[in-house]
Amino acid sequence: MSEQRATSAGGMETSFGFTEVGTGDKQTLVNDVFHRVANRYDLMNDLMSGGLHRLWKDGMVSWLNPPKRPGWRSLDVAGGTGDIAFRIIDASNRQAHVTVLDINGSMLAVGRERAEKRGVAANADFVEANAEELPFADASFDAYTIAFGIRNVPRIETALAEAYRVLKPGGRFLCLEFSEVDMPLLDRVYEAWSFNAIPRIGQAVAGDGQPYSYLVESIRKFPNQANFAAMISRAGFDRVTFRNYSGGIAALHSGWKL
């Protein structure tokens, strides 16, 4: 597609996929998308990525390497269904405590139910709040994770500043997000799959293709790897790096509050 990627956060604030919306309108529209897909969100992730999102998320938690000791606290933002939180808890031998924050109550309801079924409710709490206004004191967490959520935040620079604020000195920031494919041929195959197949799968499985059209379009508008890494650095983080997964279909960004 010819739609231009944002090179900074400003391009995302009024971008609802390829549609330009008024300042302040994006959050309401995004909320509606996730209310509509919450119950089929994880199934659709499997279908959209061919199951690869599971490997990418495993890689994220492996790079985080949560310690196997009590008292270590992580914040998972836009993680309502608990996918990252449960991986962190398991990787820490159920020593870590993870606060799952999401602006969408429907997604959080799915996560709470899953936590009870998995027997990890004592290791997780679920908070309905905005990534741009975290309801936590400064230096509250040892790690901040966000997977496939930051491109849905209207003011990304504000969210990054909040991530920096709530991390303890020495804390780790990790963001897994769809990014820019950097392999010839794969980019064209991925493009065709995204815009043609994914909305149709959404219609067939979830009964609604429109939310998936937005999700695909939002990926194309999100800053590429280098531009997003620069934004993380501007927020104050040090040792900012990223790893590409599957030829750049997804990228995992890391930064430290030093």
C-alpha atoms as a PDB file:
ATOM      1  CA  MET A   1       0.000   0.000   0.000  1.00  0.00           C
ATOM      2  CA  SER A   2       1.139   3.560  -0.567  1.00  0.00           C
ATOM      3  CA  GLU A   3      -0.004   4.887   2.794  1.00  0.00           C
ATOM      4  CA  GLN A   4       2.875   6.694   4.505  1.00  0.00           C
ATOM      5  CA  ARG A   5       4.282   5.383   7.770  1.00  0.00           C
ATOM      6  CA  ALA A   6       4.487   7.851  10.593  1.00  0.00           C
ATOM      7  CA  THR A   7       8.045   8.902  11.377  1.00  0.00           C
ATOM      8  CA  SER A   8       7.158  10.124  14.861  1.00  0.00           C
ATOM      9  CA  ALA A   9       4.307   9.921  17.353  1.00  0.00           C
ATOM     10  CA  GLY A  10       2.510  12.891  15.854  1.00  0.00           C
ATOM     11  CA  GLY A  11       1.458  10.896  12.825  1.00  0.00           C
ATOM     12  CA  MET A  12      -0.412   8.376  15.000  1.00  0.00           C
ATOM     13  CA  GLU A  13      -2.451  10.713  17.200  1.00  0.00           C
ATOM     14  CA  THR A  14      -5.168  11.324  14.602  1.00  0.00           C
ATOM     15  CA  SER A  15      -4.669   8.156  12.550  1.00  0.00           C
ATOM     16  CA  PHE A  16      -7.352   5.487  12.888  1.00  0.00           C
ATOM     17  CA  GLY A  17      -5.762   3.119  10.407  1.00  0.00           C
ATOM     18  CA  PHE A  18      -5.752   4.959   7.088  1.00  0.00           C
ATOM     19  CA  THR A  19      -8.568   7.261   8.224  1.00  0.00           C
ATOM     20  CA  GLU A  20      -7.762  10.669   9.673  1.00  0.00           C
ATOM     21  CA  VAL A  21      -9.927  11.420  12.711  1.00  0.00           C
ATOM     22  CA  GLY A  22     -10.296  14.398  15.010  1.00  0.00           C
ATOM     23  CA  THR A  23      -7.953  14.981  17.926  1.00  0.00           C
ATOM     24  CA  GLY A  24      -9.357  13.038  20.866  1.00  0.00           C
ATOM     25  CA  ASP A  25     -11.494  10.715  18.737  1.00  0.00           C
ATOM     26  CA  LYS A  26      -9.020   7.877  18.185  1.00  0.00           C
ATOM     27  CA  GLN A  27      -9.204   6.404  21.688  1.00  0.00           C
ATOM     28  CA  THR A  28     -12.978   5.935  21.553  1.00  0.00           C
ATOM     29  CA  LEU A  29     -12.760   4.272  18.155  1.00  0.00           C
ATOM     30  CA  VAL A  30      -9.937   1.951  19.279  1.00  0.00           C
ATOM     31  CA  ASN A  31     -11.881   1.016  22.420  1.00  0.00           C
ATOM     32  CA  ASP A  32     -14.837   0.003  20.274  1.00  0.00           C
ATOM     33  CA  VAL A  33     -12.592  -2.241  18.159  1.00  0.00           C
ATOM     34  CA  PHE A  34     -11.336  -4.144  21.192  1.00  0.00           C
ATOM     35  CA  HIS A  35     -14.750  -4.464  22.820  1.00  0.00           C
ATOM     36  CA  ARG A  36     -15.839  -6.169  19.598  1.00  0.00           C
ATOM     37  CA  VAL A  37     -12.882  -8.579  19.331  1.00  0.00           C
ATOM     38  CA  ALA A  38     -12.101  -9.352  23.000  1.00  0.00           C
ATOM     39  CA  ASN A  39     -13.582 -12.855  23.155  1.00  0.00           C
ATOM     40  CA  ARG A  40     -11.830 -13.966  19.952  1.00  0.00           C
ATOM     41  CA  TYR A  41      -8.689 -11.854  20.294  1.00  0.00           C
ATOM     42  CA  ASP A  42      -6.201 -14.640  21.025  1.00  0.00           C
ATOM     43  CA  LEU A  43      -7.728 -17.011  18.470  1.00  0.00           C
ATOM     44  CA  MET A  44      -7.503 -14.295  15.832  1.00  0.00           C
ATOM     45  CA  ASN A  45      -3.862 -13.632  16.754  1.00  0.00           C
ATOM     46  CA  ASP A  46      -3.160 -17.294  16.014  1.00  0.00           C
ATOM     47  CA  LEU A  47      -4.921 -17.131  12.666  1.00  0.00           C
ATOM     48  CA  MET A  48      -3.445 -13.757  11.646  1.00  0.00           C
ATOM     49  CA  SER A  49       0.141 -14.729  12.448  1.00  0.00           C
ATOM     50  CA  GLY A  50       0.015 -18.453  11.761  1.00  0.00           C
ATOM     51  CA  GLY A  51       0.783 -18.953  15.444  1.00  0.00           C
ATOM     52  CA  LEU A  52       4.022 -16.960  15.201  1.00  0.00           C
ATOM     53  CA  HIS A  53       2.865 -14.421  17.797  1.00  0.00           C
ATOM     54  CA  ARG A  54       3.333 -17.128  20.421  1.00  0.00           C
ATOM     55  CA  LEU A  55       7.007 -17.537  19.489  1.00  0.00           C
ATOM     56  CA  TRP A  56       7.518 -13.762  19.399  1.00  0.00           C
ATOM     57  CA  LYS A  57       5.976 -13.403  22.863  1.00  0.00           C
ATOM     58  CA  ASP A  58       8.090 -16.276  24.186  1.00  0.00           C
ATOM     59  CA  GLY A  59      11.133 -14.463  22.803  1.00  0.00           C
ATOM     60  CA  MET A  60      10.071 -11.257  24.531  1.00  0.00           C
ATOM     61  CA  VAL A  61       9.804 -12.901  27.934  1.00  0.00           C
ATOM     62  CA  SER A  62      13.042 -14.831  27.375  1.00  0.00           C
ATOM     63  CA  TRP A  63      14.876 -11.542  26.704  1.00  0.00           C
ATOM     64  CA  LEU A  64      13.252 -10.016  29.796  1.00  0.00           C
ATOM     65  CA  ASN A  65      14.440 -13.018  31.846  1.00  0.00           C
ATOM     66  CA  PRO A  66      12.413 -12.300  35.006  1.00  0.00           C
ATOM     67  CA  PRO A  67      14.238 -13.347  38.186  1.00  0.00           C
ATOM     68  CA  LYS A  68      13.004 -16.296  40.200  1.00  0.00           C
ATOM     69  CA  ARG A  69      12.660 -14.368  43.443  1.00  0.00           C
ATOM     70  CA  PRO A  70       9.718 -12.786  45.251  1.00  0.00           C
ATOM     71  CA  GLY A  71       9.213  -9.043  45.241  1.00  0.00           C
ATOM     72  CA  TRP A  72       9.958  -8.444  41.549  1.00  0.00           C
ATOM     73  CA  ARG A  73       7.167  -6.459  39.913  1.00  0.00           C
ATOM     74  CA  SER A  74       6.302  -5.966  36.268  1.00  0.00           C
ATOM     75  CA  LEU A  75       3.686  -3.830  34.526  1.00  0.00           C
ATOM     76  CA  ASP A  76       2.153  -5.198  31.333  1.00  0.00           C
ATOM     77  CA  VAL A  77       0.341  -2.434  29.463  1.00  0.00           C
ATOM     78  CA  ALA A  78      -2.400  -3.086  26.888  1.00  0.00           C
ATOM     79  CA  GLY A  79      -2.168  -6.715  27.972  1.00  0.00           C
ATOM     80  CA  GLY A  80      -5.771  -7.318  28.970  1.00  0.00           C
ATOM     81  CA  THR A  81      -6.032 -11.009  28.082  1.00  0.00           C
ATOM     82  CA  GLY A  82      -2.905 -11.831  30.102  1.00  0.00           C
ATOM     83  CA  ASP A  83      -0.811 -13.410  27.345  1.00  0.00           C
ATOM     84  CA  ILE A  84       2.443 -11.707  28.371  1.00  0.00           C
ATOM     85  CA  ALA A  85       1.674 -11.600  32.095  1.00  0.00           C
ATOM     86  CA  PHE A  86       1.160 -15.350  32.353  1.00  0.00           C
ATOM     87  CA  ARG A  87       4.398 -16.018  30.486  1.00  0.00           C
ATOM     88  CA  ILE A  88       6.290 -13.748  32.901  1.00  0.00           C
ATOM     89  CA  ILE A  89       4.735 -15.444  35.915  1.00  0.00           C
ATOM     90  CA  ASP A  90       5.606 -18.897  34.577  1.00  0.00           C
ATOM     91  CA  ALA A  91       9.172 -17.867  33.655  1.00  0.00           C
ATOM     92  CA  SER A  92       9.723 -16.618  37.222  1.00  0.00           C
ATOM     93  CA  ASN A  93       8.517 -19.909  38.726  1.00  0.00           C
ATOM     94  CA  ARG A  94       5.455 -17.983  39.924  1.00  0.00           C
ATOM     95  CA  GLN A  95       7.568 -15.585  41.967  1.00  0.00           C
ATOM     96  CA  ALA A  96       6.914 -12.399  39.957  1.00  0.00           C
ATOM     97  CA  HIS A  97       3.866 -10.216  40.382  1.00  0.00           C
ATOM     98  CA  VAL A  98       2.449  -8.671  37.226  1.00  0.00           C
ATOM     99  CA  THR A  99       0.016  -5.775  37.037  1.00  0.00           C
ATOM    100  CA  VAL A 100      -1.982  -6.021  33.824  1.00  0.00           C
ATOM    101  CA  LEU A 101      -3.201  -2.630  32.664  1.00  0.00           C
ATOM    102  CA  ASP A 102      -5.639  -2.086  29.825  1.00  0.00           C
ATOM    103  CA  ILE A 103      -8.006   0.715  28.895  1.00  0.00           C
ATOM    104  CA  ASN A 104     -10.545  -1.856  27.718  1.00  0.00           C
ATOM    105  CA  GLY A 105     -12.713  -3.571  30.318  1.00  0.00           C
ATOM    106  CA  SER A 106     -13.777  -6.368  27.949  1.00  0.00           C
ATOM    107  CA  MET A 107     -10.166  -7.423  27.409  1.00  0.00           C
ATOM    108  CA  LEU A 108      -9.462  -7.320  31.157  1.00  0.00           C
ATOM    109  CA  ALA A 109     -12.487  -9.515  31.856  1.00  0.00           C
ATOM    110  CA  VAL A 110     -11.002 -12.180  29.594  1.00  0.00           C
ATOM    111  CA  GLY A 111      -7.663 -11.877  31.404  1.00  0.00           C
ATOM    112  CA  ARG A 112      -9.159 -12.192  34.892  1.00  0.00           C
ATOM    113  CA  GLU A 113     -11.054 -15.317  33.882  1.00  0.00           C
ATOM    114  CA  ARG A 114      -7.925 -16.845  32.376  1.00  0.00           C
ATOM    115  CA  ALA A 115      -5.875 -16.024  35.510  1.00  0.00           C
ATOM    116  CA  GLU A 116      -8.388 -17.865  37.690  1.00  0.00           C
ATOM    117  CA  LYS A 117      -8.391 -20.893  35.399  1.00  0.00           C
ATOM    118  CA  ARG A 118      -4.587 -20.996  35.342  1.00  0.00           C
ATOM    119  CA  GLY A 119      -4.337 -20.667  39.120  1.00  0.00           C
ATOM    120  CA  VAL A 120      -2.194 -17.520  38.991  1.00  0.00           C
ATOM    121  CA  ALA A 121      -4.704 -14.957  40.261  1.00  0.00           C
ATOM    122  CA  ALA A 122      -2.496 -14.314  43.299  1.00  0.00           C
ATOM    123  CA  ASN A 123       0.369 -13.303  41.008  1.00  0.00           C
ATOM    124  CA  ALA A 124      -1.577 -10.821  38.899  1.00  0.00           C
ATOM    125  CA  ASP A 125      -3.862  -7.873  39.301  1.00  0.00           C
ATOM    126  CA  PHE A 126      -5.878  -6.188  36.584  1.00  0.00           C
ATOM    127  CA  VAL A 127      -6.253  -2.430  36.294  1.00  0.00           C
ATOM    128  CA  GLU A 128      -8.470  -0.507  33.876  1.00  0.00           C
ATOM    129  CA  ALA A 129      -6.574   2.662  33.012  1.00  0.00           C
ATOM    130  CA  ASN A 130      -4.939   4.647  30.229  1.00  0.00           C
ATOM    131  CA  ALA A 131      -1.322   4.100  29.151  1.00  0.00           C
ATOM    132  CA  GLU A 132      -1.007   7.887  28.870  1.00  0.00           C
ATOM    133  CA  GLU A 133      -1.937   8.383  32.556  1.00  0.00           C
ATOM    134  CA  LEU A 134      -0.658   5.476  34.610  1.00  0.00           C
ATOM    135  CA  PRO A 135      -2.199   5.399  38.114  1.00  0.00           C
ATOM    136  CA  PHE A 136       1.068   4.427  39.820  1.00  0.00           C
ATOM    137  CA  ALA A 137       3.750   6.222  41.778  1.00  0.00           C
ATOM    138  CA  ASP A 138       7.156   6.991  40.302  1.00  0.00           C
ATOM    139  CA  ALA A 139       9.648   4.103  40.338  1.00  0.00           C
ATOM    140  CA  SER A 140       7.040   1.421  41.081  1.00  0.00           C
ATOM    141  CA  PHE A 141       8.075  -1.385  38.717  1.00  0.00           C
ATOM    142  CA  ASP A 142      11.136  -3.405  37.759  1.00  0.00           C
ATOM    143  CA  ALA A 143       9.908  -3.901  34.195  1.00  0.00           C
ATOM    144  CA  TYR A 144       7.367  -2.481  31.753  1.00  0.00           C
ATOM    145  CA  THR A 145       6.134  -4.591  28.837  1.00  0.00           C
ATOM    146  CA  ILE A 146       3.700  -3.832  26.042  1.00  0.00           C
ATOM    147  CA  ALA A 147       2.928  -6.226  23.181  1.00  0.00           C
ATOM    148  CA  PHE A 148       1.009  -5.178  20.075  1.00  0.00           C
ATOM    149  CA  GLY A 149      -0.574  -2.302  21.952  1.00  0.00           C
ATOM    150  CA  ILE A 150       1.466   0.845  21.612  1.00  0.00           C
ATOM    151  CA  ARG A 151       0.374   1.574  18.056  1.00  0.00           C
ATOM    152  CA  ASN A 152      -3.191   1.889  19.402  1.00  0.00           C
ATOM    153  CA  VAL A 153      -2.186   4.621  21.875  1.00  0.00           C
ATOM    154  CA  PRO A 154      -2.995   8.084  20.473  1.00  0.00           C
ATOM    155  CA  ARG A 155      -0.117   9.931  22.189  1.00  0.00           C
ATOM    156  CA  ILE A 156       2.760   7.477  22.019  1.00  0.00           C
ATOM    157  CA  GLU A 157       5.361   9.928  23.339  1.00  0.00           C
ATOM    158  CA  THR A 158       3.202  10.482  26.430  1.00  0.00           C
ATOM    159  CA  ALA A 159       2.930   6.723  26.980  1.00  0.00           C
ATOM    160  CA  LEU A 160       6.708   6.326  26.679  1.00  0.00           C
ATOM    161  CA  ALA A 161       7.252   9.138  29.190  1.00  0.00           C
ATOM    162  CA  GLU A 162       4.875   7.389  31.588  1.00  0.00           C
ATOM    163  CA  ALA A 163       6.725   4.100  31.101  1.00  0.00           C
ATOM    164  CA  TYR A 164       9.964   5.827  32.040  1.00  0.00           C
ATOM    165  CA  ARG A 165       8.375   7.485  35.078  1.00  0.00           C
ATOM    166  CA  VAL A 166       6.968   4.331  36.680  1.00  0.00           C
ATOM    167  CA  LEU A 167      10.108   2.243  36.193  1.00  0.00           C
ATOM    168  CA  LYS A 168      12.652   1.947  38.968  1.00  0.00           C
ATOM    169  CA  PRO A 169      16.242   2.972  38.227  1.00  0.00           C
ATOM    170  CA  GLY A 170      17.706  -0.021  36.430  1.00  0.00           C
ATOM    171  CA  GLY A 171      14.258  -0.977  35.159  1.00  0.00           C
ATOM    172  CA  ARG A 172      13.653  -2.516  31.733  1.00  0.00           C
ATOM    173  CA  PHE A 173      11.298  -1.417  28.963  1.00  0.00           C
ATOM    174  CA  LEU A 174      10.275  -3.968  26.334  1.00  0.00           C
ATOM    175  CA  CYS A 175       7.876  -3.336  23.467  1.00  0.00           C
ATOM    176  CA  LEU A 176       6.840  -5.963  20.929  1.00  0.00           C
ATOM    177  CA  GLU A 177       5.085  -4.490  17.907  1.00  0.00           C
ATOM    178  CA  PHE A 178       4.370  -5.199  14.275  1.00  0.00           C
ATOM    179  CA  SER A 179       6.888  -3.339  12.174  1.00  0.00           C
ATOM    180  CA  GLU A 180       8.337  -2.915   8.688  1.00  0.00           C
ATOM    181  CA  VAL A 181       9.215  -6.038   6.707  1.00  0.00           C
ATOM    182  CA  ASP A 182      12.795  -5.761   5.440  1.00  0.00           C
ATOM    183  CA  MET A 183      12.970  -8.840   3.185  1.00  0.00           C
ATOM    184  CA  PRO A 184      12.261  -8.643  -0.569  1.00  0.00           C
ATOM    185  CA  LEU A 185       9.315 -10.761  -1.693  1.00  0.00           C
ATOM    186  CA  LEU A 186       8.212 -11.407   1.904  1.00  0.00           C
ATOM    187  CA  ASP A 187       7.015  -7.807   2.095  1.00  0.00           C
ATOM    188  CA  ARG A 188       4.723  -8.316  -0.913  1.00  0.00           C
ATOM    189  CA  VAL A 189       3.411 -11.673   0.322  1.00  0.00           C
ATOM    190  CA  TYR A 190       2.753 -10.211   3.769  1.00  0.00           C
ATOM    191  CA  GLU A 191       1.037  -7.175   2.276  1.00  0.00           C
ATOM    192  CA  ALA A 192      -1.325  -9.322   0.215  1.00  0.00           C
ATOM    193  CA  TRP A 193      -2.064 -11.603   3.171  1.00  0.00           C
ATOM    194  CA  SER A 194      -2.733  -8.714   5.531  1.00  0.00           C
ATOM    195  CA  PHE A 195      -5.095  -6.674   3.407  1.00  0.00           C
ATOM    196  CA  ASN A 196      -6.928  -9.516   1.662  1.00  0.00           C
ATOM    197  CA  ALA A 197      -7.009 -12.490   4.013  1.00  0.00           C
ATOM    198  CA  ILE A 198      -7.060 -11.096   7.531  1.00  0.00           C
ATOM    199  CA  PRO A 199     -10.303  -9.052   7.302  1.00  0.00           C
ATOM    200  CA  ARG A 200     -11.999 -12.045   5.667  1.00  0.00           C
ATOM    201  CA  ILE A 201     -10.790 -14.360   8.438  1.00  0.00           C
ATOM    202  CA  GLY A 202     -12.089 -11.850  10.972  1.00  0.00           C
ATOM    203  CA  GLN A 203     -15.478 -11.849   9.272  1.00  0.00           C
ATOM    204  CA  ALA A 204     -15.610 -15.644   9.233  1.00  0.00           C
ATOM    205  CA  VAL A 205     -14.323 -16.327  12.753  1.00  0.00           C
ATOM    206  CA  ALA A 206     -15.369 -13.279  14.746  1.00  0.00           C
ATOM    207  CA  GLY A 207     -18.325 -12.246  12.612  1.00  0.00           C
ATOM    208  CA  ASP A 208     -16.834  -8.831  11.952  1.00  0.00           C
ATOM    209  CA  GLY A 209     -14.082  -7.956   9.477  1.00  0.00           C
ATOM    210  CA  GLN A 210     -13.938  -4.190  10.060  1.00  0.00           C
ATOM    211  CA  PRO A 211     -11.873  -4.266  13.290  1.00  0.00           C
ATOM    212  CA  TYR A 212      -9.242  -6.352  11.532  1.00  0.00           C
ATOM    213  CA  SER A 213      -9.062  -3.900   8.643  1.00  0.00           C
ATOM    214  CA  TYR A 214      -8.209  -1.237  11.233  1.00  0.00           C
ATOM    215  CA  LEU A 215      -5.590  -3.441  12.901  1.00  0.00           C
ATOM    216  CA  VAL A 216      -3.864  -4.136   9.576  1.00  0.00           C
ATOM    217  CA  GLU A 217      -3.944  -0.468   8.558  1.00  0.00           C
ATOM    218  CA  SER A 218      -2.599   0.663  11.941  1.00  0.00           C
ATOM    219  CA  ILE A 219       0.457  -1.550  11.438  1.00  0.00           C
ATOM    220  CA  ARG A 220       1.268   0.236   8.186  1.00  0.00           C
ATOM    221  CA  LYS A 221       1.002   3.654   9.825  1.00  0.00           C
ATOM    222  CA  PHE A 222       3.239   2.822  12.801  1.00  0.00           C
ATOM    223  CA  PRO A 223       6.835   4.161  12.733  1.00  0.00           C
ATOM    224  CA  ASN A 224       9.419   1.691  11.458  1.00  0.00           C
ATOM    225  CA  GLN A 225      12.087   0.119  13.652  1.00  0.00           C
ATOM    226  CA  ALA A 226      14.649   2.947  13.521  1.00  0.00           C
ATOM    227  CA  ASN A 227      12.108   5.731  13.997  1.00  0.00           C
ATOM    228  CA  PHE A 228      10.449   4.012  16.936  1.00  0.00           C
ATOM    229  CA  ALA A 229      13.837   3.287  18.553  1.00  0.00           C
ATOM    230  CA  ALA A 230      14.601   7.011  18.278  1.00  0.00           C
ATOM    231  CA  MET A 231      11.343   7.816  20.074  1.00  0.00           C
ATOM    232  CA  ILE A 232      12.265   5.443  22.915  1.00  0.00           C
ATOM    233  CA  SER A 233      15.647   7.159  23.249  1.00  0.00           C
ATOM    234  CA  ARG A 234      14.002  10.592  23.315  1.00  0.00           C
ATOM    235  CA  ALA A 235      11.842   9.410  26.217  1.00  0.00           C
ATOM    236  CA  GLY A 236      15.041   9.030  28.259  1.00  0.00           C
ATOM    237  CA  PHE A 237      15.860   5.358  27.872  1.00  0.00           C
ATOM    238  CA  ASP A 238      19.436   4.139  27.468  1.00  0.00           C
ATOM    239  CA  ARG A 239      20.922   1.139  25.648  1.00  0.00           C
ATOM    240  CA  VAL A 240      18.007   1.174  23.198  1.00  0.00           C
ATOM    241  CA  THR A 241      18.109  -1.756  20.791  1.00  0.00           C
ATOM    242  CA  PHE A 242      15.685  -3.868  18.782  1.00  0.00           C
ATOM    243  CA  ARG A 243      15.444  -7.352  17.329  1.00  0.00           C
ATOM    244  CA  ASN A 244      13.506  -8.219  14.200  1.00  0.00           C
ATOM    245  CA  TYR A 245      11.319 -11.291  14.126  1.00  0.00           C
ATOM    246  CA  SER A 246      10.243 -13.069  10.939  1.00  0.00           C
ATOM    247  CA  GLY A 247      11.946 -10.646   8.597  1.00  0.00           C
ATOM    248  CA  GLY A 248      10.664  -7.568  10.387  1.00  0.00           C
ATOM    249  CA  ILE A 249       6.993  -8.526  10.512  1.00  0.00           C
ATOM    250  CA  ALA A 250       7.425  -7.870  14.225  1.00  0.00           C
ATOM    251  CA  ALA A 251      10.191  -6.121  16.168  1.00  0.00           C
ATOM    252  CA  LEU A 252      11.082  -6.277  19.839  1.00  0.00           C
ATOM    253  CA  HIS A 253      12.426  -3.008  21.267  1.00  0.00           C
ATOM    254  CA  SER A 254      14.385  -2.767  24.501  1.00  0.00           C
ATOM    255  CA  GLY A 255      15.495   0.132  26.659  1.00  0.00           C
ATOM    256  CA  TRP A 256      16.767   0.670  30.185  1.00  0.00           C
ATOM    257  CA  LYS A 257      16.144   3.377  32.758  1.00  0.00           C
ATOM    258  CA  LEU A 258      19.718   3.954  33.935  1.00  0.00           C
END
